[in-house]
Amino acid sequence: MTERCGWVGLEDIYVAYHDEEWGVPEYDARALWEKLILDGFQAGLSWLTILKKRDNFREAFEGFHPEIIATWGEDDIERLLQNPGIIRHRGKIAATITNAQAYLRLQEEQCFADFLWGYFDHKVEQNSWTSQAEVPTKDARSEQISKDLKKRGFKFCGPTIVYAFMEASGLMNNHLVTCHRHHEVAAMARDRQV
């Protein structure tokens, strides 16, 4: 039987997400921004809820292209509030527009991916957790990134959201050492640095 991280349930969509996406280092700025936005929508909900609606989110938010979303206004918020395929939360929808604008401002100075990876010296942090109970929900780095993002105008990016985002985006390898993906993700990170 294949060993997996303790948070993975039995649903096929969750197993596939864990085995194929979660913790894989992401270097594309737009894809990182999408992951941050979806983690913000998760606040107060389970990730499985977001995962099941992810395709609907991608359609409703025009493929998560910040250049498009940054131009949206109240009519777009109202349109999205009528979409049953997504999480209909006015504050989170409005924050997505604000975050698109903040992302574009940041991109003028520095690539969003470089900004984030800079907190990790552009290397995947390799953790060696042996049980889910050891894994924190936030740390000093997620608190700093959250603070810095908020200074730049981002919303729905508290330290717990940022920590979940760092795990999901592969900025850190938080697969348990007993999980079959831990060594695979570590190898991906090593190959990238060669």
N, C-alpha and C. Protein backbone atom coordinates (compact mmCIF):
# COMPACT_ATOMS: atom_id res chain seq x y z
N MET A 1 0.84 -1.20 0.00
CA MET A 1 0.00 0.00 0.00
C MET A 1 0.88 1.25 0.00
N THR A 2 0.50 2.23 -0.81
CA THR A 2 1.27 3.47 -0.93
C THR A 2 1.03 4.35 0.28
N GLU A 3 2.12 4.81 0.89
CA GLU A 3 2.02 5.72 2.04
C GLU A 3 1.84 7.15 1.53
N ARG A 4 0.93 7.88 2.18
CA ARG A 4 0.68 9.27 1.83
C ARG A 4 0.64 10.12 3.10
N CYS A 5 0.66 11.41 2.91
CA CYS A 5 0.52 12.35 4.03
C CYS A 5 -0.81 12.12 4.71
N GLY A 6 -0.85 12.41 6.01
CA GLY A 6 -2.02 12.12 6.82
C GLY A 6 -3.28 12.88 6.47
N TRP A 7 -3.18 14.00 5.77
CA TRP A 7 -4.36 14.81 5.46
C TRP A 7 -5.12 14.32 4.24
N VAL A 8 -4.54 13.39 3.49
CA VAL A 8 -5.17 12.93 2.25
C VAL A 8 -6.32 11.98 2.57
N GLY A 9 -7.47 12.30 2.06
CA GLY A 9 -8.63 11.44 2.26
C GLY A 9 -8.66 10.32 1.23
N LEU A 10 -9.80 9.75 1.06
CA LEU A 10 -9.95 8.61 0.15
C LEU A 10 -10.51 9.00 -1.22
N GLU A 11 -11.00 10.23 -1.34
CA GLU A 11 -11.59 10.64 -2.62
C GLU A 11 -10.53 10.72 -3.71
N ASP A 12 -10.86 10.21 -4.87
CA ASP A 12 -9.91 10.15 -5.99
C ASP A 12 -9.32 11.52 -6.32
N ILE A 13 -10.16 12.57 -6.30
CA ILE A 13 -9.69 13.91 -6.65
C ILE A 13 -8.63 14.39 -5.66
N TYR A 14 -8.80 14.03 -4.39
CA TYR A 14 -7.85 14.43 -3.35
C TYR A 14 -6.55 13.64 -3.47
N VAL A 15 -6.66 12.36 -3.71
CA VAL A 15 -5.48 11.51 -3.88
C VAL A 15 -4.68 11.97 -5.09
N ALA A 16 -5.36 12.24 -6.20
CA ALA A 16 -4.67 12.71 -7.41
C ALA A 16 -4.00 14.06 -7.17
N TYR A 17 -4.67 14.96 -6.47
CA TYR A 17 -4.08 16.27 -6.15
C TYR A 17 -2.80 16.08 -5.34
N HIS A 18 -2.86 15.25 -4.31
CA HIS A 18 -1.68 14.99 -3.49
C HIS A 18 -0.56 14.37 -4.31
N ASP A 19 -0.89 13.37 -5.10
CA ASP A 19 0.12 12.60 -5.81
C ASP A 19 0.72 13.33 -7.01
N GLU A 20 -0.02 14.28 -7.57
CA GLU A 20 0.44 14.92 -8.81
C GLU A 20 0.78 16.40 -8.68
N GLU A 21 0.17 17.11 -7.71
CA GLU A 21 0.33 18.56 -7.66
C GLU A 21 0.89 19.11 -6.36
N TRP A 22 0.33 18.66 -5.24
CA TRP A 22 0.64 19.29 -3.96
C TRP A 22 2.13 19.13 -3.64
N GLY A 23 2.76 20.25 -3.38
CA GLY A 23 4.17 20.23 -3.01
C GLY A 23 5.13 20.23 -4.17
N VAL A 24 4.64 20.18 -5.39
CA VAL A 24 5.52 20.24 -6.55
C VAL A 24 5.96 21.69 -6.72
N PRO A 25 7.26 21.95 -6.78
CA PRO A 25 7.73 23.34 -6.91
C PRO A 25 7.14 24.05 -8.12
N GLU A 26 6.51 25.18 -7.87
CA GLU A 26 5.91 25.99 -8.93
C GLU A 26 6.77 27.24 -9.13
N TYR A 27 7.14 27.50 -10.36
CA TYR A 27 8.01 28.64 -10.66
C TYR A 27 7.34 29.68 -11.55
N ASP A 28 6.14 29.40 -12.02
CA ASP A 28 5.41 30.32 -12.89
C ASP A 28 4.67 31.35 -12.04
N ALA A 29 4.90 32.63 -12.31
CA ALA A 29 4.32 33.70 -11.50
C ALA A 29 2.79 33.68 -11.50
N ARG A 30 2.18 33.52 -12.67
CA ARG A 30 0.72 33.52 -12.75
C ARG A 30 0.13 32.32 -12.01
N ALA A 31 0.75 31.15 -12.16
CA ALA A 31 0.27 29.95 -11.48
C ALA A 31 0.40 30.10 -9.96
N LEU A 32 1.47 30.73 -9.51
CA LEU A 32 1.62 30.99 -8.07
C LEU A 32 0.53 31.92 -7.57
N TRP A 33 0.23 32.95 -8.35
CA TRP A 33 -0.82 33.89 -7.97
C TRP A 33 -2.17 33.18 -7.88
N GLU A 34 -2.47 32.32 -8.85
CA GLU A 34 -3.72 31.55 -8.82
C GLU A 34 -3.80 30.71 -7.55
N LYS A 35 -2.71 30.04 -7.20
CA LYS A 35 -2.70 29.20 -6.00
C LYS A 35 -2.93 30.05 -4.74
N LEU A 36 -2.33 31.22 -4.69
CA LEU A 36 -2.53 32.10 -3.53
C LEU A 36 -4.00 32.53 -3.43
N ILE A 37 -4.60 32.87 -4.57
CA ILE A 37 -5.99 33.28 -4.58
C ILE A 37 -6.90 32.14 -4.12
N LEU A 38 -6.66 30.95 -4.63
CA LEU A 38 -7.50 29.81 -4.24
C LEU A 38 -7.32 29.48 -2.76
N ASP A 39 -6.10 29.61 -2.25
CA ASP A 39 -5.90 29.40 -0.81
C ASP A 39 -6.65 30.45 -0.01
N GLY A 40 -6.75 31.66 -0.52
CA GLY A 40 -7.55 32.69 0.14
C GLY A 40 -9.03 32.34 0.15
N PHE A 41 -9.52 31.78 -0.96
CA PHE A 41 -10.93 31.35 -1.00
C PHE A 41 -11.17 30.20 -0.04
N GLN A 42 -10.14 29.41 0.25
CA GLN A 42 -10.31 28.28 1.15
C GLN A 42 -10.55 28.71 2.60
N ALA A 43 -10.12 29.89 2.98
CA ALA A 43 -10.23 30.33 4.38
C ALA A 43 -11.60 30.00 4.96
N GLY A 44 -11.61 29.21 6.02
CA GLY A 44 -12.84 28.81 6.67
C GLY A 44 -13.51 27.60 6.06
N LEU A 45 -12.92 27.06 5.02
CA LEU A 45 -13.50 25.91 4.31
C LEU A 45 -12.45 24.80 4.19
N SER A 46 -12.84 23.68 3.66
CA SER A 46 -11.87 22.61 3.41
C SER A 46 -11.28 22.80 2.01
N TRP A 47 -10.04 22.32 1.85
CA TRP A 47 -9.41 22.41 0.54
C TRP A 47 -10.17 21.56 -0.47
N LEU A 48 -10.76 20.47 -0.03
CA LEU A 48 -11.52 19.60 -0.93
C LEU A 48 -12.66 20.38 -1.59
N THR A 49 -13.30 21.27 -0.86
CA THR A 49 -14.36 22.10 -1.42
C THR A 49 -13.82 22.94 -2.58
N ILE A 50 -12.67 23.56 -2.37
CA ILE A 50 -12.06 24.39 -3.42
C ILE A 50 -11.63 23.52 -4.59
N LEU A 51 -11.02 22.39 -4.30
CA LEU A 51 -10.53 21.50 -5.34
C LEU A 51 -11.67 21.05 -6.26
N LYS A 52 -12.80 20.73 -5.68
CA LYS A 52 -13.95 20.29 -6.48
C LYS A 52 -14.51 21.42 -7.34
N LYS A 53 -14.30 22.68 -6.94
CA LYS A 53 -14.81 23.83 -7.67
C LYS A 53 -13.73 24.52 -8.51
N ARG A 54 -12.51 23.99 -8.49
CA ARG A 54 -11.39 24.69 -9.12
C ARG A 54 -11.63 24.99 -10.60
N ASP A 55 -12.16 24.03 -11.36
CA ASP A 55 -12.41 24.29 -12.78
C ASP A 55 -13.44 25.40 -12.96
N ASN A 56 -14.45 25.42 -12.08
CA ASN A 56 -15.45 26.50 -12.14
C ASN A 56 -14.80 27.85 -11.84
N PHE A 57 -13.91 27.85 -10.84
CA PHE A 57 -13.18 29.09 -10.52
C PHE A 57 -12.37 29.55 -11.73
N ARG A 58 -11.67 28.64 -12.36
CA ARG A 58 -10.83 29.02 -13.51
C ARG A 58 -11.67 29.61 -14.64
N GLU A 59 -12.84 29.05 -14.85
CA GLU A 59 -13.71 29.59 -15.89
C GLU A 59 -14.26 30.95 -15.48
N ALA A 60 -14.76 31.05 -14.26
CA ALA A 60 -15.36 32.31 -13.79
C ALA A 60 -14.35 33.44 -13.71
N PHE A 61 -13.09 33.11 -13.41
CA PHE A 61 -12.05 34.13 -13.25
C PHE A 61 -11.11 34.19 -14.46
N GLU A 62 -11.66 33.83 -15.63
CA GLU A 62 -10.93 34.00 -16.89
C GLU A 62 -9.53 33.40 -16.85
N GLY A 63 -9.42 32.19 -16.32
CA GLY A 63 -8.11 31.53 -16.28
C GLY A 63 -7.14 32.16 -15.28
N PHE A 64 -7.66 32.94 -14.37
CA PHE A 64 -6.84 33.63 -13.37
C PHE A 64 -5.73 34.46 -14.02
N HIS A 65 -6.11 35.22 -15.03
CA HIS A 65 -5.15 36.15 -15.64
C HIS A 65 -5.30 37.49 -14.94
N PRO A 66 -4.32 37.90 -14.15
CA PRO A 66 -4.43 39.15 -13.39
C PRO A 66 -4.69 40.37 -14.26
N GLU A 67 -4.16 40.36 -15.48
CA GLU A 67 -4.33 41.51 -16.37
C GLU A 67 -5.80 41.76 -16.68
N ILE A 68 -6.58 40.68 -16.75
CA ILE A 68 -8.02 40.80 -17.01
C ILE A 68 -8.75 41.17 -15.72
N ILE A 69 -8.49 40.43 -14.66
CA ILE A 69 -9.21 40.60 -13.40
C ILE A 69 -8.98 41.98 -12.79
N ALA A 70 -7.80 42.54 -12.98
CA ALA A 70 -7.47 43.86 -12.41
C ALA A 70 -8.39 44.96 -12.92
N THR A 71 -9.03 44.74 -14.06
CA THR A 71 -9.90 45.77 -14.65
C THR A 71 -11.36 45.64 -14.21
N TRP A 72 -11.66 44.61 -13.45
CA TRP A 72 -13.05 44.34 -13.07
C TRP A 72 -13.53 45.32 -12.02
N GLY A 73 -14.86 45.42 -11.95
CA GLY A 73 -15.49 46.31 -10.98
C GLY A 73 -16.71 45.69 -10.35
N GLU A 74 -17.62 46.53 -9.87
CA GLU A 74 -18.79 46.08 -9.13
C GLU A 74 -19.69 45.15 -9.95
N ASP A 75 -19.86 45.43 -11.24
CA ASP A 75 -20.70 44.56 -12.08
C ASP A 75 -20.14 43.14 -12.12
N ASP A 76 -18.83 43.03 -12.16
CA ASP A 76 -18.20 41.70 -12.19
C ASP A 76 -18.36 40.99 -10.85
N ILE A 77 -18.26 41.75 -9.78
CA ILE A 77 -18.49 41.16 -8.44
C ILE A 77 -19.91 40.62 -8.36
N GLU A 78 -20.88 41.41 -8.81
CA GLU A 78 -22.28 40.98 -8.78
C GLU A 78 -22.49 39.74 -9.65
N ARG A 79 -21.86 39.72 -10.83
CA ARG A 79 -21.96 38.56 -11.72
C ARG A 79 -21.42 37.31 -11.04
N LEU A 80 -20.28 37.43 -10.39
CA LEU A 80 -19.66 36.27 -9.73
C LEU A 80 -20.46 35.83 -8.51
N LEU A 81 -21.11 36.76 -7.84
CA LEU A 81 -21.94 36.40 -6.69
C LEU A 81 -23.15 35.55 -7.09
N GLN A 82 -23.49 35.56 -8.37
CA GLN A 82 -24.60 34.75 -8.88
C GLN A 82 -24.14 33.39 -9.39
N ASN A 83 -22.83 33.12 -9.35
CA ASN A 83 -22.29 31.88 -9.92
C ASN A 83 -22.24 30.79 -8.84
N PRO A 84 -23.10 29.78 -8.93
CA PRO A 84 -23.13 28.73 -7.90
C PRO A 84 -21.93 27.78 -7.97
N GLY A 85 -21.13 27.89 -9.02
CA GLY A 85 -19.98 26.99 -9.18
C GLY A 85 -18.76 27.40 -8.39
N ILE A 86 -18.80 28.60 -7.78
CA ILE A 86 -17.66 29.08 -7.01
C ILE A 86 -18.10 29.39 -5.58
N ILE A 87 -17.16 29.82 -4.75
CA ILE A 87 -17.49 30.29 -3.40
C ILE A 87 -17.97 31.74 -3.56
N ARG A 88 -19.22 31.97 -3.23
CA ARG A 88 -19.81 33.30 -3.44
C ARG A 88 -19.67 34.14 -2.18
N HIS A 89 -18.49 34.69 -2.03
CA HIS A 89 -18.16 35.50 -0.86
C HIS A 89 -17.68 36.85 -1.39
N ARG A 90 -18.49 37.88 -1.15
CA ARG A 90 -18.18 39.20 -1.71
C ARG A 90 -16.76 39.66 -1.36
N GLY A 91 -16.36 39.51 -0.11
CA GLY A 91 -15.04 39.98 0.30
C GLY A 91 -13.91 39.26 -0.43
N LYS A 92 -14.06 37.97 -0.62
CA LYS A 92 -13.01 37.20 -1.31
C LYS A 92 -12.97 37.51 -2.80
N ILE A 93 -14.13 37.73 -3.39
CA ILE A 93 -14.18 38.10 -4.80
C ILE A 93 -13.56 39.48 -5.00
N ALA A 94 -13.95 40.43 -4.16
CA ALA A 94 -13.38 41.79 -4.26
C ALA A 94 -11.87 41.74 -4.01
N ALA A 95 -11.44 40.92 -3.07
CA ALA A 95 -10.00 40.80 -2.78
C ALA A 95 -9.24 40.25 -3.98
N THR A 96 -9.87 39.38 -4.76
CA THR A 96 -9.21 38.84 -5.96
C THR A 96 -8.90 39.96 -6.94
N ILE A 97 -9.83 40.89 -7.09
CA ILE A 97 -9.60 42.04 -7.98
C ILE A 97 -8.47 42.90 -7.42
N THR A 98 -8.54 43.20 -6.14
CA THR A 98 -7.48 43.99 -5.48
C THR A 98 -6.14 43.28 -5.60
N ASN A 99 -6.13 41.97 -5.42
CA ASN A 99 -4.89 41.20 -5.49
C ASN A 99 -4.33 41.16 -6.91
N ALA A 100 -5.21 41.18 -7.90
CA ALA A 100 -4.74 41.24 -9.28
C ALA A 100 -4.01 42.57 -9.52
N GLN A 101 -4.57 43.65 -8.99
CA GLN A 101 -3.94 44.96 -9.14
C GLN A 101 -2.61 45.01 -8.40
N ALA A 102 -2.58 44.44 -7.18
CA ALA A 102 -1.34 44.40 -6.39
C ALA A 102 -0.28 43.55 -7.09
N TYR A 103 -0.71 42.43 -7.66
CA TYR A 103 0.20 41.55 -8.40
C TYR A 103 0.85 42.30 -9.56
N LEU A 104 0.04 43.03 -10.32
CA LEU A 104 0.58 43.76 -11.48
C LEU A 104 1.56 44.85 -11.05
N ARG A 105 1.27 45.52 -9.95
CA ARG A 105 2.21 46.53 -9.44
C ARG A 105 3.53 45.87 -9.04
N LEU A 106 3.44 44.76 -8.36
CA LEU A 106 4.65 44.04 -7.94
C LEU A 106 5.43 43.56 -9.15
N GLN A 107 4.72 43.06 -10.16
CA GLN A 107 5.39 42.56 -11.37
C GLN A 107 6.19 43.65 -12.08
N GLU A 108 5.77 44.90 -11.92
CA GLU A 108 6.52 46.01 -12.53
C GLU A 108 7.89 46.16 -11.88
N GLU A 109 7.99 45.80 -10.60
CA GLU A 109 9.25 45.90 -9.87
C GLU A 109 10.07 44.62 -9.93
N GLN A 110 9.37 43.50 -9.77
CA GLN A 110 10.03 42.21 -9.61
C GLN A 110 9.03 41.11 -9.94
N CYS A 111 9.50 40.08 -10.57
CA CYS A 111 8.63 38.94 -10.88
C CYS A 111 8.05 38.37 -9.58
N PHE A 112 6.75 38.11 -9.56
CA PHE A 112 6.08 37.57 -8.39
C PHE A 112 6.75 36.27 -7.93
N ALA A 113 7.13 35.43 -8.88
CA ALA A 113 7.80 34.17 -8.54
C ALA A 113 9.14 34.44 -7.85
N ASP A 114 9.93 35.37 -8.38
CA ASP A 114 11.22 35.71 -7.76
C ASP A 114 11.02 36.30 -6.37
N PHE A 115 9.98 37.12 -6.23
CA PHE A 115 9.65 37.72 -4.94
C PHE A 115 9.43 36.62 -3.90
N LEU A 116 8.60 35.63 -4.24
CA LEU A 116 8.29 34.55 -3.30
C LEU A 116 9.47 33.62 -3.07
N TRP A 117 10.10 33.18 -4.14
CA TRP A 117 11.22 32.24 -4.01
C TRP A 117 12.40 32.88 -3.30
N GLY A 118 12.48 34.22 -3.33
CA GLY A 118 13.55 34.92 -2.64
C GLY A 118 13.55 34.68 -1.14
N TYR A 119 12.37 34.43 -0.57
CA TYR A 119 12.29 34.13 0.86
C TYR A 119 12.92 32.78 1.19
N PHE A 120 13.13 31.98 0.16
CA PHE A 120 13.70 30.63 0.34
C PHE A 120 15.07 30.50 -0.33
N ASP A 121 15.71 31.64 -0.63
CA ASP A 121 16.98 31.64 -1.36
C ASP A 121 16.89 30.83 -2.65
N HIS A 122 15.71 30.84 -3.24
CA HIS A 122 15.45 30.17 -4.52
C HIS A 122 15.70 28.66 -4.47
N LYS A 123 15.51 28.07 -3.29
CA LYS A 123 15.65 26.61 -3.12
C LYS A 123 14.47 26.10 -2.32
N VAL A 124 14.01 24.90 -2.67
CA VAL A 124 12.92 24.28 -1.93
C VAL A 124 13.42 23.93 -0.52
N GLU A 125 12.68 24.38 0.48
CA GLU A 125 13.02 24.02 1.85
C GLU A 125 12.62 22.56 2.07
N GLN A 126 13.56 21.75 2.50
CA GLN A 126 13.29 20.32 2.73
C GLN A 126 13.01 20.09 4.21
N ASN A 127 11.77 19.77 4.52
CA ASN A 127 11.40 19.46 5.90
C ASN A 127 11.37 17.95 6.09
N SER A 128 11.43 17.51 7.32
CA SER A 128 11.47 16.06 7.59
C SER A 128 10.47 15.70 8.68
N TRP A 129 9.22 16.08 8.45
CA TRP A 129 8.17 15.75 9.40
C TRP A 129 7.87 14.26 9.34
N THR A 130 7.66 13.65 10.49
CA THR A 130 7.33 12.22 10.53
C THR A 130 5.85 11.97 10.83
N SER A 131 5.14 13.00 11.31
CA SER A 131 3.70 12.86 11.54
C SER A 131 3.02 14.19 11.26
N GLN A 132 1.74 14.12 10.93
CA GLN A 132 0.98 15.33 10.62
C GLN A 132 0.93 16.27 11.81
N ALA A 133 0.99 15.72 13.01
CA ALA A 133 0.94 16.54 14.23
C ALA A 133 2.14 17.47 14.35
N GLU A 134 3.24 17.14 13.72
CA GLU A 134 4.45 17.98 13.77
C GLU A 134 4.37 19.19 12.86
N VAL A 135 3.55 19.11 11.82
CA VAL A 135 3.51 20.15 10.79
C VAL A 135 2.76 21.37 11.33
N PRO A 136 3.41 22.54 11.35
CA PRO A 136 2.72 23.74 11.85
C PRO A 136 1.70 24.26 10.85
N THR A 137 0.87 25.17 11.29
CA THR A 137 -0.09 25.81 10.38
C THR A 137 0.41 27.19 9.92
N LYS A 138 1.46 27.66 10.57
CA LYS A 138 2.12 28.90 10.17
C LYS A 138 3.50 28.90 10.80
N ASP A 139 4.37 29.77 10.30
CA ASP A 139 5.70 29.91 10.88
C ASP A 139 6.17 31.35 10.68
N ALA A 140 7.38 31.64 11.12
CA ALA A 140 7.90 33.01 11.02
C ALA A 140 7.96 33.49 9.57
N ARG A 141 8.30 32.58 8.66
CA ARG A 141 8.40 32.98 7.25
C ARG A 141 7.02 33.29 6.68
N SER A 142 6.02 32.47 6.98
CA SER A 142 4.68 32.76 6.46
C SER A 142 4.15 34.06 7.06
N GLU A 143 4.52 34.35 8.30
CA GLU A 143 4.12 35.62 8.91
C GLU A 143 4.79 36.80 8.20
N GLN A 144 6.05 36.65 7.83
CA GLN A 144 6.76 37.73 7.14
C GLN A 144 6.23 37.93 5.73
N ILE A 145 6.02 36.84 5.01
CA ILE A 145 5.48 36.95 3.64
C ILE A 145 4.09 37.58 3.69
N SER A 146 3.27 37.14 4.62
CA SER A 146 1.93 37.71 4.78
C SER A 146 2.01 39.22 5.02
N LYS A 147 2.85 39.60 5.93
CA LYS A 147 3.03 41.02 6.26
C LYS A 147 3.49 41.81 5.04
N ASP A 148 4.45 41.26 4.30
CA ASP A 148 4.98 41.96 3.12
C ASP A 148 3.95 42.04 1.99
N LEU A 149 3.17 40.97 1.81
CA LEU A 149 2.12 41.00 0.79
C LEU A 149 1.07 42.05 1.15
N LYS A 150 0.68 42.09 2.41
CA LYS A 150 -0.32 43.07 2.84
C LYS A 150 0.17 44.50 2.65
N LYS A 151 1.46 44.73 2.91
CA LYS A 151 2.04 46.07 2.67
C LYS A 151 1.91 46.47 1.21
N ARG A 152 1.92 45.46 0.34
CA ARG A 152 1.83 45.71 -1.10
C ARG A 152 0.39 45.73 -1.60
N GLY A 153 -0.57 45.61 -0.68
CA GLY A 153 -1.97 45.74 -1.04
C GLY A 153 -2.74 44.44 -1.19
N PHE A 154 -2.10 43.30 -0.93
CA PHE A 154 -2.80 42.02 -1.03
C PHE A 154 -3.74 41.82 0.16
N LYS A 155 -4.81 41.07 -0.08
CA LYS A 155 -5.79 40.75 0.96
C LYS A 155 -6.00 39.24 0.99
N PHE A 156 -6.60 38.75 2.07
CA PHE A 156 -6.84 37.32 2.29
C PHE A 156 -5.54 36.54 2.11
N CYS A 157 -4.52 37.01 2.80
CA CYS A 157 -3.21 36.36 2.73
C CYS A 157 -2.56 36.37 4.12
N GLY A 158 -3.33 35.93 5.11
CA GLY A 158 -2.80 35.83 6.46
C GLY A 158 -1.76 34.73 6.56
N PRO A 159 -1.05 34.64 7.67
CA PRO A 159 0.05 33.68 7.82
C PRO A 159 -0.35 32.22 7.63
N THR A 160 -1.56 31.85 8.04
CA THR A 160 -2.01 30.46 7.87
C THR A 160 -2.30 30.17 6.40
N ILE A 161 -2.94 31.11 5.73
CA ILE A 161 -3.18 30.97 4.29
C ILE A 161 -1.86 30.89 3.55
N VAL A 162 -0.93 31.76 3.89
CA VAL A 162 0.37 31.77 3.22
C VAL A 162 1.12 30.46 3.48
N TYR A 163 1.04 29.93 4.69
CA TYR A 163 1.73 28.67 4.98
C TYR A 163 1.17 27.53 4.12
N ALA A 164 -0.16 27.45 4.03
CA ALA A 164 -0.78 26.42 3.19
C ALA A 164 -0.37 26.61 1.73
N PHE A 165 -0.29 27.85 1.31
CA PHE A 165 0.15 28.17 -0.05
C PHE A 165 1.60 27.74 -0.27
N MET A 166 2.47 28.00 0.70
CA MET A 166 3.89 27.62 0.57
C MET A 166 4.02 26.10 0.43
N GLU A 167 3.23 25.37 1.19
CA GLU A 167 3.25 23.90 1.09
C GLU A 167 2.76 23.45 -0.29
N ALA A 168 1.60 23.95 -0.68
CA ALA A 168 0.97 23.52 -1.93
C ALA A 168 1.82 23.86 -3.15
N SER A 169 2.50 25.01 -3.09
CA SER A 169 3.28 25.50 -4.23
C SER A 169 4.69 24.94 -4.26
N GLY A 170 5.04 24.11 -3.31
CA GLY A 170 6.35 23.48 -3.32
C GLY A 170 7.49 24.38 -2.93
N LEU A 171 7.19 25.52 -2.30
CA LEU A 171 8.26 26.35 -1.78
C LEU A 171 8.97 25.60 -0.66
N MET A 172 8.21 24.72 -0.03
CA MET A 172 8.78 23.82 0.97
C MET A 172 8.24 22.42 0.69
N ASN A 173 9.05 21.44 0.97
CA ASN A 173 8.64 20.05 0.83
C ASN A 173 8.10 19.60 2.18
N ASN A 174 6.78 19.67 2.32
CA ASN A 174 6.15 19.29 3.57
C ASN A 174 5.46 17.93 3.50
N HIS A 175 5.80 17.15 2.48
CA HIS A 175 5.33 15.77 2.49
C HIS A 175 6.02 15.08 3.67
N LEU A 176 5.26 14.27 4.39
CA LEU A 176 5.88 13.50 5.48
C LEU A 176 6.96 12.61 4.91
N VAL A 177 8.00 12.35 5.69
CA VAL A 177 9.10 11.51 5.19
C VAL A 177 8.63 10.10 4.87
N THR A 178 7.53 9.67 5.46
CA THR A 178 6.98 8.34 5.18
C THR A 178 6.14 8.33 3.90
N CYS A 179 5.83 9.50 3.35
CA CYS A 179 5.01 9.62 2.14
C CYS A 179 5.86 9.34 0.91
N HIS A 180 5.30 8.60 -0.03
CA HIS A 180 6.05 8.28 -1.25
C HIS A 180 6.45 9.51 -2.04
N ARG A 181 5.76 10.63 -1.87
CA ARG A 181 6.07 11.84 -2.63
C ARG A 181 7.24 12.65 -2.04
N HIS A 182 7.56 12.42 -0.78
CA HIS A 182 8.62 13.22 -0.15
C HIS A 182 9.92 13.14 -0.96
N HIS A 183 10.37 11.95 -1.24
CA HIS A 183 11.65 11.78 -1.95
C HIS A 183 11.55 12.20 -3.42
N GLU A 184 10.37 12.00 -4.01
CA GLU A 184 10.17 12.42 -5.40
C GLU A 184 10.26 13.95 -5.53
N VAL A 185 9.61 14.66 -4.61
CA VAL A 185 9.65 16.13 -4.65
C VAL A 185 11.07 16.62 -4.33
N ALA A 186 11.75 15.97 -3.40
CA ALA A 186 13.14 16.35 -3.10
C ALA A 186 14.02 16.18 -4.33
N ALA A 187 13.80 15.12 -5.09
CA ALA A 187 14.58 14.88 -6.31
C ALA A 187 14.28 15.96 -7.36
N MET A 188 13.01 16.37 -7.49
CA MET A 188 12.66 17.45 -8.42
C MET A 188 13.41 18.72 -8.07
N ALA A 189 13.46 19.03 -6.80
CA ALA A 189 14.14 20.24 -6.34
C ALA A 189 15.63 20.16 -6.63
N ARG A 190 16.24 19.00 -6.40
CA ARG A 190 17.68 18.83 -6.67
C ARG A 190 17.96 18.99 -8.16
N ASP A 191 17.11 18.38 -8.99
CA ASP A 191 17.30 18.47 -10.44
C ASP A 191 17.23 19.91 -10.92
N ARG A 192 16.36 20.69 -10.33
CA ARG A 192 16.20 22.10 -10.73
C ARG A 192 17.46 22.91 -10.39
N GLN A 193 18.14 22.54 -9.30
CA GLN A 193 19.30 23.31 -8.84
C GLN A 193 20.60 22.92 -9.57
N VAL A 194 20.55 21.81 -10.29
CA VAL A 194 21.78 21.35 -10.97
C VAL A 194 22.07 22.22 -12.16
